Amino acid sequence: LENHGVPLALTSKLQEISESLLSLPFENKRELFTAVKSPLSYFW
């Protein structure tokens, strides 16, 4: 799909923050998504 209208700046920022979160130590990632009772979850 081309000309989809999703801003390049948005996808670039999302890529950057996703890489930053996923590069955290394994134990930190597990704790981050459980300690705050987040609706988000970490899987592997």
PDB file of all heavy atoms in Angstrom:
ATOM      1  N   LEU A   1       0.842  -1.196   0.000  1.00  0.00           N
ATOM      2  CA  LEU A   1       0.000   0.000   0.000  1.00  0.00           C
ATOM      3  C   LEU A   1       0.875   1.243   0.000  1.00  0.00           C
ATOM      4  O   LEU A   1       1.735   1.414   0.866  1.00  0.00           O
ATOM      5  CB  LEU A   1      -0.906   0.002   1.235  1.00  0.00           C
ATOM      6  CG  LEU A   1      -2.052   1.012   1.255  1.00  0.00           C
ATOM      7  CD1 LEU A   1      -3.096   0.641   0.196  1.00  0.00           C
ATOM      8  CD2 LEU A   1      -2.700   1.064   2.633  1.00  0.00           C
ATOM      9  N   GLU A   2       0.645   2.111  -0.988  1.00  0.00           N
ATOM     10  CA  GLU A   2       1.365   3.375  -1.040  1.00  0.00           C
ATOM     11  C   GLU A   2       0.373   4.542  -0.948  1.00  0.00           C
ATOM     12  O   GLU A   2      -0.834   4.343  -1.090  1.00  0.00           O
ATOM     13  CB  GLU A   2       2.203   3.477  -2.320  1.00  0.00           C
ATOM     14  CG  GLU A   2       1.408   3.397  -3.601  1.00  0.00           C
ATOM     15  CD  GLU A   2       2.288   3.442  -4.845  1.00  0.00           C
ATOM     16  OE1 GLU A   2       3.506   3.232  -4.707  1.00  0.00           O
ATOM     17  OE2 GLU A   2       1.742   3.695  -5.932  1.00  0.00           O
ATOM     18  N   ASN A   3       0.904   5.731  -0.684  1.00  0.00           N
ATOM     19  CA  ASN A   3       0.063   6.917  -0.478  1.00  0.00           C
ATOM     20  C   ASN A   3      -1.008   6.647   0.579  1.00  0.00           C
ATOM     21  O   ASN A   3      -2.186   6.960   0.407  1.00  0.00           O
ATOM     22  CB  ASN A   3      -0.579   7.366  -1.793  1.00  0.00           C
ATOM     23  CG  ASN A   3       0.438   7.903  -2.776  1.00  0.00           C
ATOM     24  OD1 ASN A   3       1.398   8.573  -2.394  1.00  0.00           O
ATOM     25  ND2 ASN A   3       0.252   7.590  -4.052  1.00  0.00           N
ATOM     26  N   HIS A   4      -0.563   6.081   1.698  1.00  0.00           N
ATOM     27  CA  HIS A   4      -1.485   5.659   2.752  1.00  0.00           C
ATOM     28  C   HIS A   4      -1.811   6.763   3.746  1.00  0.00           C
ATOM     29  O   HIS A   4      -2.729   6.624   4.557  1.00  0.00           O
ATOM     30  CB  HIS A   4      -0.907   4.463   3.501  1.00  0.00           C
ATOM     31  CG  HIS A   4       0.539   4.622   3.846  1.00  0.00           C
ATOM     32  ND1 HIS A   4       0.999   5.511   4.796  1.00  0.00           N
ATOM     33  CD2 HIS A   4       1.645   4.001   3.339  1.00  0.00           C
ATOM     34  CE1 HIS A   4       2.322   5.428   4.882  1.00  0.00           C
ATOM     35  NE2 HIS A   4       2.748   4.521   4.004  1.00  0.00           N
ATOM     36  N   GLY A   5      -1.043   7.844   3.716  1.00  0.00           N
ATOM     37  CA  GLY A   5      -1.355   8.992   4.561  1.00  0.00           C
ATOM     38  C   GLY A   5      -0.830   8.942   5.978  1.00  0.00           C
ATOM     39  O   GLY A   5      -1.137   9.823   6.786  1.00  0.00           O
ATOM     40  N   VAL A   6      -0.037   7.923   6.310  1.00  0.00           N
ATOM     41  CA  VAL A   6       0.567   7.878   7.651  1.00  0.00           C
ATOM     42  C   VAL A   6       1.855   8.708   7.610  1.00  0.00           C
ATOM     43  O   VAL A   6       2.749   8.414   6.811  1.00  0.00           O
ATOM     44  CB  VAL A   6       0.896   6.438   8.080  1.00  0.00           C
ATOM     45  CG1 VAL A   6       1.451   6.434   9.508  1.00  0.00           C
ATOM     46  CG2 VAL A   6      -0.344   5.557   7.996  1.00  0.00           C
ATOM     47  N   PRO A   7       1.969   9.757   8.424  1.00  0.00           N
ATOM     48  CA  PRO A   7       3.152  10.620   8.358  1.00  0.00           C
ATOM     49  C   PRO A   7       4.443   9.855   8.611  1.00  0.00           C
ATOM     50  O   PRO A   7       4.517   9.034   9.529  1.00  0.00           O
ATOM     51  CB  PRO A   7       2.897  11.657   9.466  1.00  0.00           C
ATOM     52  CG  PRO A   7       1.422  11.639   9.688  1.00  0.00           C
ATOM     53  CD  PRO A   7       0.997  10.219   9.433  1.00  0.00           C
ATOM     54  N   LEU A   8       5.435  10.120   7.805  1.00  0.00           N
ATOM     55  CA  LEU A   8       6.738   9.482   7.976  1.00  0.00           C
ATOM     56  C   LEU A   8       7.339   9.825   9.331  1.00  0.00           C
ATOM     57  O   LEU A   8       7.976   8.984   9.975  1.00  0.00           O
ATOM     58  CB  LEU A   8       7.685   9.912   6.854  1.00  0.00           C
ATOM     59  CG  LEU A   8       9.098   9.332   6.881  1.00  0.00           C
ATOM     60  CD1 LEU A   8       9.066   7.813   6.833  1.00  0.00           C
ATOM     61  CD2 LEU A   8       9.928   9.891   5.709  1.00  0.00           C
ATOM     62  N   ALA A   9       7.119  11.057   9.794  1.00  0.00           N
ATOM     63  CA  ALA A   9       7.655  11.469  11.094  1.00  0.00           C
ATOM     64  C   ALA A   9       7.072  10.610  12.208  1.00  0.00           C
ATOM     65  O   ALA A   9       7.765  10.266  13.173  1.00  0.00           O
ATOM     66  CB  ALA A   9       7.351  12.947  11.343  1.00  0.00           C
ATOM     67  N   LEU A  10       5.786  10.244  12.082  1.00  0.00           N
ATOM     68  CA  LEU A  10       5.140   9.413  13.099  1.00  0.00           C
ATOM     69  C   LEU A  10       5.732   8.013  13.128  1.00  0.00           C
ATOM     70  O   LEU A  10       6.057   7.485  14.200  1.00  0.00           O
ATOM     71  CB  LEU A  10       3.633   9.347  12.836  1.00  0.00           C
ATOM     72  CG  LEU A  10       2.832   8.366  13.698  1.00  0.00           C
ATOM     73  CD1 LEU A  10       2.949   8.720  15.177  1.00  0.00           C
ATOM     74  CD2 LEU A  10       1.369   8.360  13.263  1.00  0.00           C
ATOM     75  N   THR A  11       5.877   7.379  11.963  1.00  0.00           N
ATOM     76  CA  THR A  11       6.415   6.015  11.933  1.00  0.00           C
ATOM     77  C   THR A  11       7.871   5.996  12.387  1.00  0.00           C
ATOM     78  O   THR A  11       8.315   5.041  13.022  1.00  0.00           O
ATOM     79  CB  THR A  11       6.288   5.403  10.530  1.00  0.00           C
ATOM     80  OG1 THR A  11       6.923   6.247   9.562  1.00  0.00           O
ATOM     81  CG2 THR A  11       4.820   5.239  10.141  1.00  0.00           C
ATOM     82  N   SER A  12       8.617   7.063  12.085  1.00  0.00           N
ATOM     83  CA  SER A  12      10.011   7.132  12.524  1.00  0.00           C
ATOM     84  C   SER A  12      10.107   7.231  14.039  1.00  0.00           C
ATOM     85  O   SER A  12      10.928   6.560  14.679  1.00  0.00           O
ATOM     86  CB  SER A  12      10.713   8.330  11.879  1.00  0.00           C
ATOM     87  OG  SER A  12      10.752   8.202  10.470  1.00  0.00           O
ATOM     88  N   LYS A  13       9.256   8.073  14.631  1.00  0.00           N
ATOM     89  CA  LYS A  13       9.256   8.205  16.094  1.00  0.00           C
ATOM     90  C   LYS A  13       8.802   6.915  16.765  1.00  0.00           C
ATOM     91  O   LYS A  13       9.350   6.510  17.794  1.00  0.00           O
ATOM     92  CB  LYS A  13       8.344   9.364  16.504  1.00  0.00           C
ATOM     93  CG  LYS A  13       8.877  10.743  16.162  1.00  0.00           C
ATOM     94  CD  LYS A  13       7.886  11.821  16.570  1.00  0.00           C
ATOM     95  CE  LYS A  13       8.382  13.210  16.193  1.00  0.00           C
ATOM     96  NZ  LYS A  13       7.370  14.249  16.508  1.00  0.00           N
ATOM     97  N   LEU A  14       7.796   6.271  16.180  1.00  0.00           N
ATOM     98  CA  LEU A  14       7.305   5.017  16.743  1.00  0.00           C
ATOM     99  C   LEU A  14       8.382   3.940  16.670  1.00  0.00           C
ATOM    100  O   LEU A  14       8.559   3.149  17.608  1.00  0.00           O
ATOM    101  CB  LEU A  14       6.046   4.567  16.001  1.00  0.00           C
ATOM    102  CG  LEU A  14       5.345   3.322  16.548  1.00  0.00           C
ATOM    103  CD1 LEU A  14       4.955   3.510  18.006  1.00  0.00           C
ATOM    104  CD2 LEU A  14       4.112   2.997  15.709  1.00  0.00           C
ATOM    105  N   GLN A  15       9.114   3.901  15.566  1.00  0.00           N
ATOM    106  CA  GLN A  15      10.217   2.947  15.428  1.00  0.00           C
ATOM    107  C   GLN A  15      11.275   3.209  16.501  1.00  0.00           C
ATOM    108  O   GLN A  15      11.765   2.280  17.155  1.00  0.00           O
ATOM    109  CB  GLN A  15      10.840   3.088  14.031  1.00  0.00           C
ATOM    110  CG  GLN A  15      12.148   2.358  13.827  1.00  0.00           C
ATOM    111  CD  GLN A  15      11.972   0.949  13.310  1.00  0.00           C
ATOM    112  OE1 GLN A  15      10.874   0.541  12.960  1.00  0.00           O
ATOM    113  NE2 GLN A  15      13.060   0.211  13.256  1.00  0.00           N
ATOM    114  N   GLU A  16      11.597   4.470  16.710  1.00  0.00           N
ATOM    115  CA  GLU A  16      12.643   4.838  17.664  1.00  0.00           C
ATOM    116  C   GLU A  16      12.257   4.452  19.091  1.00  0.00           C
ATOM    117  O   GLU A  16      13.060   3.851  19.816  1.00  0.00           O
ATOM    118  CB  GLU A  16      12.904   6.345  17.577  1.00  0.00           C
ATOM    119  CG  GLU A  16      14.000   6.846  18.495  1.00  0.00           C
ATOM    120  CD  GLU A  16      14.230   8.337  18.368  1.00  0.00           C
ATOM    121  OE1 GLU A  16      13.745   8.942  17.388  1.00  0.00           O
ATOM    122  OE2 GLU A  16      14.891   8.906  19.261  1.00  0.00           O
ATOM    123  N   ILE A  17      11.029   4.774  19.507  1.00  0.00           N
ATOM    124  CA  ILE A  17      10.625   4.476  20.875  1.00  0.00           C
ATOM    125  C   ILE A  17      10.429   2.979  21.072  1.00  0.00           C
ATOM    126  O   ILE A  17      10.691   2.437  22.146  1.00  0.00           O
ATOM    127  CB  ILE A  17       9.345   5.260  21.251  1.00  0.00           C
ATOM    128  CG1 ILE A  17       9.143   5.259  22.768  1.00  0.00           C
ATOM    129  CG2 ILE A  17       8.126   4.697  20.546  1.00  0.00           C
ATOM    130  CD1 ILE A  17      10.122   6.104  23.526  1.00  0.00           C
ATOM    131  N   SER A  18       9.986   2.262  20.030  1.00  0.00           N
ATOM    132  CA  SER A  18       9.831   0.810  20.119  1.00  0.00           C
ATOM    133  C   SER A  18      11.190   0.144  20.321  1.00  0.00           C
ATOM    134  O   SER A  18      11.336  -0.758  21.163  1.00  0.00           O
ATOM    135  CB  SER A  18       9.157   0.261  18.858  1.00  0.00           C
ATOM    136  OG  SER A  18       7.848   0.766  18.700  1.00  0.00           O
ATOM    137  N   GLU A  19      12.173   0.580  19.554  1.00  0.00           N
ATOM    138  CA  GLU A  19      13.523   0.030  19.704  1.00  0.00           C
ATOM    139  C   GLU A  19      14.060   0.320  21.102  1.00  0.00           C
ATOM    140  O   GLU A  19      14.709  -0.539  21.719  1.00  0.00           O
ATOM    141  CB  GLU A  19      14.452   0.629  18.649  1.00  0.00           C
ATOM    142  CG  GLU A  19      14.164   0.158  17.225  1.00  0.00           C
ATOM    143  CD  GLU A  19      15.197   0.680  16.235  1.00  0.00           C
ATOM    144  OE1 GLU A  19      16.296   1.086  16.680  1.00  0.00           O
ATOM    145  OE2 GLU A  19      14.900   0.678  15.031  1.00  0.00           O
ATOM    146  N   SER A  20      13.778   1.519  21.604  1.00  0.00           N
ATOM    147  CA  SER A  20      14.269   1.907  22.920  1.00  0.00           C
ATOM    148  C   SER A  20      13.678   1.019  24.008  1.00  0.00           C
ATOM    149  O   SER A  20      14.390   0.538  24.893  1.00  0.00           O
ATOM    150  CB  SER A  20      13.910   3.377  23.184  1.00  0.00           C
ATOM    151  OG  SER A  20      14.282   3.764  24.481  1.00  0.00           O
ATOM    152  N   LEU A  21      12.366   0.760  23.943  1.00  0.00           N
ATOM    153  CA  LEU A  21      11.715  -0.074  24.953  1.00  0.00           C
ATOM    154  C   LEU A  21      12.155  -1.532  24.849  1.00  0.00           C
ATOM    155  O   LEU A  21      12.402  -2.197  25.862  1.00  0.00           O
ATOM    156  CB  LEU A  21      10.198   0.024  24.818  1.00  0.00           C
ATOM    157  CG  LEU A  21       9.551   1.318  25.328  1.00  0.00           C
ATOM    158  CD1 LEU A  21       8.094   1.396  24.887  1.00  0.00           C
ATOM    159  CD2 LEU A  21       9.648   1.408  26.849  1.00  0.00           C
ATOM    160  N   LEU A  22      12.256  -2.031  23.626  1.00  0.00           N
ATOM    161  CA  LEU A  22      12.617  -3.440  23.446  1.00  0.00           C
ATOM    162  C   LEU A  22      14.091  -3.712  23.746  1.00  0.00           C
ATOM    163  O   LEU A  22      14.475  -4.858  23.957  1.00  0.00           O
ATOM    164  CB  LEU A  22      12.270  -3.893  22.032  1.00  0.00           C
ATOM    165  CG  LEU A  22      10.775  -4.145  21.803  1.00  0.00           C
ATOM    166  CD1 LEU A  22      10.447  -4.236  20.318  1.00  0.00           C
ATOM    167  CD2 LEU A  22      10.331  -5.422  22.519  1.00  0.00           C
ATOM    168  N   SER A  23      14.904  -2.660  23.776  1.00  0.00           N
ATOM    169  CA  SER A  23      16.325  -2.849  24.083  1.00  0.00           C
ATOM    170  C   SER A  23      16.591  -2.834  25.589  1.00  0.00           C
ATOM    171  O   SER A  23      17.728  -3.036  26.014  1.00  0.00           O
ATOM    172  CB  SER A  23      17.168  -1.757  23.413  1.00  0.00           C
ATOM    173  OG  SER A  23      16.886  -0.479  23.975  1.00  0.00           O
ATOM    174  N   LEU A  24      15.538  -2.614  26.397  1.00  0.00           N
ATOM    175  CA  LEU A  24      15.703  -2.681  27.848  1.00  0.00           C
ATOM    176  C   LEU A  24      16.098  -4.100  28.259  1.00  0.00           C
ATOM    177  O   LEU A  24      15.804  -5.064  27.550  1.00  0.00           O
ATOM    178  CB  LEU A  24      14.394  -2.297  28.543  1.00  0.00           C
ATOM    179  CG  LEU A  24      13.942  -0.846  28.429  1.00  0.00           C
ATOM    180  CD1 LEU A  24      12.531  -0.705  29.006  1.00  0.00           C
ATOM    181  CD2 LEU A  24      14.910   0.087  29.144  1.00  0.00           C
ATOM    182  N   PRO A  25      16.751  -4.262  29.400  1.00  0.00           N
ATOM    183  CA  PRO A  25      17.037  -5.624  29.886  1.00  0.00           C
ATOM    184  C   PRO A  25      15.759  -6.445  29.972  1.00  0.00           C
ATOM    185  O   PRO A  25      14.680  -5.924  30.280  1.00  0.00           O
ATOM    186  CB  PRO A  25      17.636  -5.366  31.277  1.00  0.00           C
ATOM    187  CG  PRO A  25      18.218  -3.994  31.197  1.00  0.00           C
ATOM    188  CD  PRO A  25      17.303  -3.224  30.289  1.00  0.00           C
ATOM    189  N   PHE A  26      15.888  -7.732  29.719  1.00  0.00           N
ATOM    190  CA  PHE A  26      14.732  -8.636  29.678  1.00  0.00           C
ATOM    191  C   PHE A  26      13.864  -8.518  30.924  1.00  0.00           C
ATOM    192  O   PHE A  26      12.640  -8.402  30.844  1.00  0.00           O
ATOM    193  CB  PHE A  26      15.246 -10.072  29.510  1.00  0.00           C
ATOM    194  CG  PHE A  26      14.186 -11.125  29.644  1.00  0.00           C
ATOM    195  CD1 PHE A  26      13.154 -11.212  28.732  1.00  0.00           C
ATOM    196  CD2 PHE A  26      14.238 -12.049  30.692  1.00  0.00           C
ATOM    197  CE1 PHE A  26      12.180 -12.196  28.855  1.00  0.00           C
ATOM    198  CE2 PHE A  26      13.278 -13.029  30.819  1.00  0.00           C
ATOM    199  CZ  PHE A  26      12.240 -13.103  29.903  1.00  0.00           C
ATOM    200  N   GLU A  27      14.497  -8.536  32.101  1.00  0.00           N
ATOM    201  CA  GLU A  27      13.741  -8.483  33.343  1.00  0.00           C
ATOM    202  C   GLU A  27      12.989  -7.160  33.474  1.00  0.00           C
ATOM    203  O   GLU A  27      11.866  -7.120  33.978  1.00  0.00           O
ATOM    204  CB  GLU A  27      14.670  -8.679  34.542  1.00  0.00           C
ATOM    205  CG  GLU A  27      15.268 -10.083  34.662  1.00  0.00           C
ATOM    206  CD  GLU A  27      16.369 -10.350  33.637  1.00  0.00           C
ATOM    207  OE1 GLU A  27      16.845  -9.373  33.000  1.00  0.00           O
ATOM    208  OE2 GLU A  27      16.750 -11.525  33.462  1.00  0.00           O
ATOM    209  N   ASN A  28      13.587  -6.067  33.020  1.00  0.00           N
ATOM    210  CA  ASN A  28      12.927  -4.759  33.088  1.00  0.00           C
ATOM    211  C   ASN A  28      11.680  -4.719  32.226  1.00  0.00           C
ATOM    212  O   ASN A  28      10.659  -4.133  32.602  1.00  0.00           O
ATOM    213  CB  ASN A  28      13.897  -3.656  32.637  1.00  0.00           C
ATOM    214  CG  ASN A  28      15.045  -3.460  33.613  1.00  0.00           C
ATOM    215  OD1 ASN A  28      15.621  -4.429  34.091  1.00  0.00           O
ATOM    216  ND2 ASN A  28      15.372  -2.220  33.900  1.00  0.00           N
ATOM    217  N   LYS A  29      11.767  -5.335  31.040  1.00  0.00           N
ATOM    218  CA  LYS A  29      10.597  -5.340  30.145  1.00  0.00           C
ATOM    219  C   LYS A  29       9.440  -6.092  30.784  1.00  0.00           C
ATOM    220  O   LYS A  29       8.286  -5.657  30.716  1.00  0.00           O
ATOM    221  CB  LYS A  29      10.977  -5.972  28.807  1.00  0.00           C
ATOM    222  CG  LYS A  29      11.794  -5.064  27.921  1.00  0.00           C
ATOM    223  CD  LYS A  29      12.136  -5.694  26.588  1.00  0.00           C
ATOM    224  CE  LYS A  29      13.210  -6.750  26.703  1.00  0.00           C
ATOM    225  NZ  LYS A  29      13.781  -7.128  25.397  1.00  0.00           N
ATOM    226  N   ARG A  30       9.738  -7.216  31.394  1.00  0.00           N
ATOM    227  CA  ARG A  30       8.673  -7.992  32.045  1.00  0.00           C
ATOM    228  C   ARG A  30       8.040  -7.195  33.188  1.00  0.00           C
ATOM    229  O   ARG A  30       6.822  -7.156  33.339  1.00  0.00           O
ATOM    230  CB  ARG A  30       9.229  -9.313  32.578  1.00  0.00           C
ATOM    231  CG  ARG A  30       9.568 -10.301  31.490  1.00  0.00           C
ATOM    232  CD  ARG A  30       9.715 -11.694  32.059  1.00  0.00           C
ATOM    233  NE  ARG A  30      10.738 -11.766  33.109  1.00  0.00           N
ATOM    234  CZ  ARG A  30      11.052 -12.867  33.765  1.00  0.00           C
ATOM    235  NH1 ARG A  30      10.414 -13.995  33.496  1.00  0.00           N
ATOM    236  NH2 ARG A  30      12.000 -12.872  34.686  1.00  0.00           N
ATOM    237  N   GLU A  31       8.891  -6.535  33.985  1.00  0.00           N
ATOM    238  CA  GLU A  31       8.380  -5.790  35.134  1.00  0.00           C
ATOM    239  C   GLU A  31       7.593  -4.555  34.689  1.00  0.00           C
ATOM    240  O   GLU A  31       6.575  -4.214  35.299  1.00  0.00           O
ATOM    241  CB  GLU A  31       9.542  -5.367  36.030  1.00  0.00           C
ATOM    242  CG  GLU A  31      10.239  -6.530  36.717  1.00  0.00           C
ATOM    243  CD  GLU A  31      11.484  -6.098  37.468  1.00  0.00           C
ATOM    244  OE1 GLU A  31      11.760  -4.876  37.479  1.00  0.00           O
ATOM    245  OE2 GLU A  31      12.170  -6.972  38.032  1.00  0.00           O
ATOM    246  N   LEU A  32       8.046  -3.903  33.639  1.00  0.00           N
ATOM    247  CA  LEU A  32       7.422  -2.661  33.186  1.00  0.00           C
ATOM    248  C   LEU A  32       5.969  -2.866  32.804  1.00  0.00           C
ATOM    249  O   LEU A  32       5.133  -1.995  33.015  1.00  0.00           O
ATOM    250  CB  LEU A  32       8.212  -2.090  32.003  1.00  0.00           C
ATOM    251  CG  LEU A  32       7.771  -0.720  31.477  1.00  0.00           C
ATOM    252  CD1 LEU A  32       7.922   0.338  32.560  1.00  0.00           C
ATOM    253  CD2 LEU A  32       8.593  -0.343  30.246  1.00  0.00           C
ATOM    254  N   PHE A  33       5.662  -4.047  32.257  1.00  0.00           N
ATOM    255  CA  PHE A  33       4.303  -4.287  31.768  1.00  0.00           C
ATOM    256  C   PHE A  33       3.447  -5.075  32.760  1.00  0.00           C
ATOM    257  O   PHE A  33       2.336  -5.457  32.448  1.00  0.00           O
ATOM    258  CB  PHE A  33       4.355  -5.014  30.425  1.00  0.00           C
ATOM    259  CG  PHE A  33       4.803  -4.112  29.316  1.00  0.00           C
ATOM    260  CD1 PHE A  33       6.138  -3.973  29.014  1.00  0.00           C
ATOM    261  CD2 PHE A  33       3.886  -3.372  28.593  1.00  0.00           C
ATOM    262  CE1 PHE A  33       6.562  -3.125  28.005  1.00  0.00           C
ATOM    263  CE2 PHE A  33       4.294  -2.523  27.585  1.00  0.00           C
ATOM    264  CZ  PHE A  33       5.638  -2.395  27.285  1.00  0.00           C
ATOM    265  N   THR A  34       3.979  -5.291  33.963  1.00  0.00           N
ATOM    266  CA  THR A  34       3.172  -5.951  34.988  1.00  0.00           C
ATOM    267  C   THR A  34       3.018  -5.086  36.229  1.00  0.00           C
ATOM    268  O   THR A  34       1.946  -5.034  36.826  1.00  0.00           O
ATOM    269  CB  THR A  34       3.794  -7.299  35.401  1.00  0.00           C
ATOM    270  OG1 THR A  34       5.153  -7.092  35.831  1.00  0.00           O
ATOM    271  CG2 THR A  34       3.778  -8.277  34.243  1.00  0.00           C
ATOM    272  N   ALA A  35       4.076  -4.355  36.571  1.00  0.00           N
ATOM    273  CA  ALA A  35       4.042  -3.571  37.806  1.00  0.00           C
ATOM    274  C   ALA A  35       2.984  -2.471  37.763  1.00  0.00           C
ATOM    275  O   ALA A  35       2.395  -2.127  38.779  1.00  0.00           O
ATOM    276  CB  ALA A  35       5.425  -2.960  38.075  1.00  0.00           C
ATOM    277  N   VAL A  36       2.719  -1.909  36.582  1.00  0.00           N
ATOM    278  CA  VAL A  36       1.769  -0.802  36.486  1.00  0.00           C
ATOM    279  C   VAL A  36       0.380  -1.292  36.090  1.00  0.00           C
ATOM    280  O   VAL A  36      -0.494  -0.509  35.781  1.00  0.00           O
ATOM    281  CB  VAL A  36       2.256   0.244  35.450  1.00  0.00           C
ATOM    282  CG1 VAL A  36       3.557   0.873  35.896  1.00  0.00           C
ATOM    283  CG2 VAL A  36       2.411  -0.392  34.072  1.00  0.00           C
ATOM    284  N   LYS A  37       0.162  -2.607  36.133  1.00  0.00           N
ATOM    285  CA  LYS A  37      -1.128  -3.199  35.736  1.00  0.00           C
ATOM    286  C   LYS A  37      -1.548  -2.690  34.356  1.00  0.00           C
ATOM    287  O   LYS A  37      -2.677  -2.243  34.142  1.00  0.00           O
ATOM    288  CB  LYS A  37      -2.204  -2.898  36.782  1.00  0.00           C
ATOM    289  CG  LYS A  37      -1.869  -3.431  38.171  1.00  0.00           C
ATOM    290  CD  LYS A  37      -3.019  -3.239  39.115  1.00  0.00           C
ATOM    291  CE  LYS A  37      -2.656  -3.681  40.537  1.00  0.00           C
ATOM    292  NZ  LYS A  37      -2.214  -5.071  40.605  1.00  0.00           N
ATOM    293  N   SER A  38      -0.624  -2.749  33.459  1.00  0.00           N
ATOM    294  CA  SER A  38      -0.830  -2.213  32.123  1.00  0.00           C
ATOM    295  C   SER A  38      -1.701  -3.133  31.275  1.00  0.00           C
ATOM    296  O   SER A  38      -1.589  -4.355  31.369  1.00  0.00           O
ATOM    297  CB  SER A  38       0.536  -2.035  31.431  1.00  0.00           C
ATOM    298  OG  SER A  38       0.371  -1.737  30.068  1.00  0.00           O
ATOM    299  N   PRO A  39      -2.588  -2.559  30.413  1.00  0.00           N
ATOM    300  CA  PRO A  39      -3.311  -3.387  29.452  1.00  0.00           C
ATOM    301  C   PRO A  39      -2.391  -3.896  28.334  1.00  0.00           C
ATOM    302  O   PRO A  39      -2.758  -4.799  27.591  1.00  0.00           O
ATOM    303  CB  PRO A  39      -4.370  -2.430  28.900  1.00  0.00           C
ATOM    304  CG  PRO A  39      -3.765  -1.066  29.067  1.00  0.00           C
ATOM    305  CD  PRO A  39      -2.961  -1.142  30.334  1.00  0.00           C
ATOM    306  N   LEU A  40      -1.201  -3.296  28.242  1.00  0.00           N
ATOM    307  CA  LEU A  40      -0.212  -3.774  27.296  1.00  0.00           C
ATOM    308  C   LEU A  40       0.492  -4.987  27.897  1.00  0.00           C
ATOM    309  O   LEU A  40       0.539  -5.139  29.108  1.00  0.00           O
ATOM    310  CB  LEU A  40       0.825  -2.690  26.984  1.00  0.00           C
ATOM    311  CG  LEU A  40       0.435  -1.561  26.035  1.00  0.00           C
ATOM    312  CD1 LEU A  40      -0.763  -0.782  26.534  1.00  0.00           C
ATOM    313  CD2 LEU A  40       1.618  -0.613  25.833  1.00  0.00           C
ATOM    314  N   SER A  41       1.026  -5.843  27.039  1.00  0.00           N
ATOM    315  CA  SER A  41       1.748  -7.005  27.560  1.00  0.00           C
ATOM    316  C   SER A  41       3.013  -7.243  26.741  1.00  0.00           C
ATOM    317  O   SER A  41       3.110  -6.848  25.579  1.00  0.00           O
ATOM    318  CB  SER A  41       0.862  -8.259  27.533  1.00  0.00           C
ATOM    319  OG  SER A  41       0.433  -8.555  26.212  1.00  0.00           O
ATOM    320  N   TYR A  42       3.973  -7.885  27.391  1.00  0.00           N
ATOM    321  CA  TYR A  42       5.239  -8.258  26.756  1.00  0.00           C
ATOM    322  C   TYR A  42       5.234  -9.771  26.546  1.00  0.00           C
ATOM    323  O   TYR A  42       4.867 -10.530  27.434  1.00  0.00           O
ATOM    324  CB  TYR A  42       6.409  -7.851  27.648  1.00  0.00           C
ATOM    325  CG  TYR A  42       7.743  -8.435  27.238  1.00  0.00           C
ATOM    326  CD1 TYR A  42       8.340  -8.074  26.030  1.00  0.00           C
ATOM    327  CD2 TYR A  42       8.407  -9.350  28.058  1.00  0.00           C
ATOM    328  CE1 TYR A  42       9.564  -8.619  25.657  1.00  0.00           C
ATOM    329  CE2 TYR A  42       9.631  -9.886  27.687  1.00  0.00           C
ATOM    330  CZ  TYR A  42      10.210  -9.521  26.488  1.00  0.00           C
ATOM    331  OH  TYR A  42      11.410 -10.054  26.108  1.00  0.00           O
ATOM    332  N   PHE A  43       5.614 -10.219  25.349  1.00  0.00           N
ATOM    333  CA  PHE A  43       5.655 -11.646  25.051  1.00  0.00           C
ATOM    334  C   PHE A  43       6.969 -11.981  24.362  1.00  0.00           C
ATOM    335  O   PHE A  43       7.637 -11.117  23.803  1.00  0.00           O
ATOM    336  CB  PHE A  43       4.462 -12.053  24.162  1.00  0.00           C
ATOM    337  CG  PHE A  43       4.465 -11.394  22.800  1.00  0.00           C
ATOM    338  CD1 PHE A  43       5.083 -11.986  21.715  1.00  0.00           C
ATOM    339  CD2 PHE A  43       3.843 -10.166  22.610  1.00  0.00           C
ATOM    340  CE1 PHE A  43       5.098 -11.379  20.462  1.00  0.00           C
ATOM    341  CE2 PHE A  43       3.841  -9.551  21.358  1.00  0.00           C
ATOM    342  CZ  PHE A  43       4.465 -10.159  20.288  1.00  0.00           C
ATOM    343  N   TRP A  44       7.300 -13.252  24.378  1.00  0.00           N
ATOM    344  CA  TRP A  44       8.512 -13.700  23.681  1.00  0.00           C
ATOM    345  C   TRP A  44       8.414 -15.182  23.390  1.00  0.00           C
ATOM    346  O   TRP A  44       7.684 -15.913  24.046  1.00  0.00           O
ATOM    347  CB  TRP A  44       9.763 -13.396  24.510  1.00  0.00           C
ATOM    348  CG  TRP A  44       9.816 -14.099  25.830  1.00  0.00           C
ATOM    349  CD1 TRP A  44       9.304 -13.675  27.017  1.00  0.00           C
ATOM    350  CD2 TRP A  44      10.402 -15.384  26.092  1.00  0.00           C
ATOM    351  NE1 TRP A  44       9.528 -14.594  28.002  1.00  0.00           N
ATOM    352  CE2 TRP A  44      10.203 -15.662  27.463  1.00  0.00           C
ATOM    353  CE3 TRP A  44      11.076 -16.311  25.300  1.00  0.00           C
ATOM    354  CZ2 TRP A  44      10.661 -16.831  28.061  1.00  0.00           C
ATOM    355  CZ3 TRP A  44      11.520 -17.485  25.903  1.00  0.00           C
ATOM    356  CH2 TRP A  44      11.319 -17.730  27.263  1.00  0.00           C
TER     357      TRP A  44
END
